[in-house]
Amino acid sequence: MVLRSRPVRIDDLGSERRLGDRDAAVQEGRARLQALLRSLRASDSELSGCVWAPVGDGNRVEVSVDGVCRTRNERYYYGTFEKDNGYLVVNLPTLSGSRTHYLHRVVWEAFRGPLSPDEHVYHINGDKRDNRLENLAVRSRSDGVRQSWADRKEAWTQMALELDSWA
C-alpha cells in the first residue's frame, strides 16, 4: 500500500489555539510531522525503485519485475492466489469483467513479449511462487516434458537406492 501525504495543519496536531512559531509545542509538532513525511517517502521509494511494465493493452494495469501487479495510477494492488498446482494466479480486469492469469506468464509477457503456443515459462529455481523476472525462463513444451521425466527418473533412482540400503 502506498500512502500519499496530505497537507497537515497545526490544528491536526492536537492544538485548539493558534500557536506562535517559537512555542515548544509547535516545534515538537513540526518535528513529528517531518519524521512522518520522511518515513512515508522511504516506504514509497522502496516500491518506486522497481521497474514496471504495462500489461495487456497497457492502459490500466502494470507489473513489476518482482511480480507485483497494480493499476497504472497506483491506487490498487492486485492480490495473488495459489492454485492447487502451486502456481500463483492474479485476476486482472478486462473489458467485460476480469480474467485469471498465471502470474509468471504475466511477468514474462510484460517484459519479454508474447509467447508462441509451443513456449512455456518455467521457474529456474523450481519455486513456483518465485515470480521474479530473473527466475523465469522459456522452453518448448517438449523440453519441459523431457526435463520432467529426467527429474522423476532421478527421484525414483534415489528412492530405489535408499530402499536397497535398508535391506
Foldseek 3Di string as FASTA:
>chain_A
DQDDDDDDDPVNLPDPDDDDPPDPSNVVSVVVVVVVVVVNVVVVVVVVVWDWFAFDPRQFWIATLQQWIDTPVRPDTWDWDADPVGFIWTWDADPVGTDIDGSLQRNCCRPPNDDDPQKDKDFQVRRNHRNRNVRIDIDGPVVVVVVVVVVVVVVVVVVVVVVVVVD
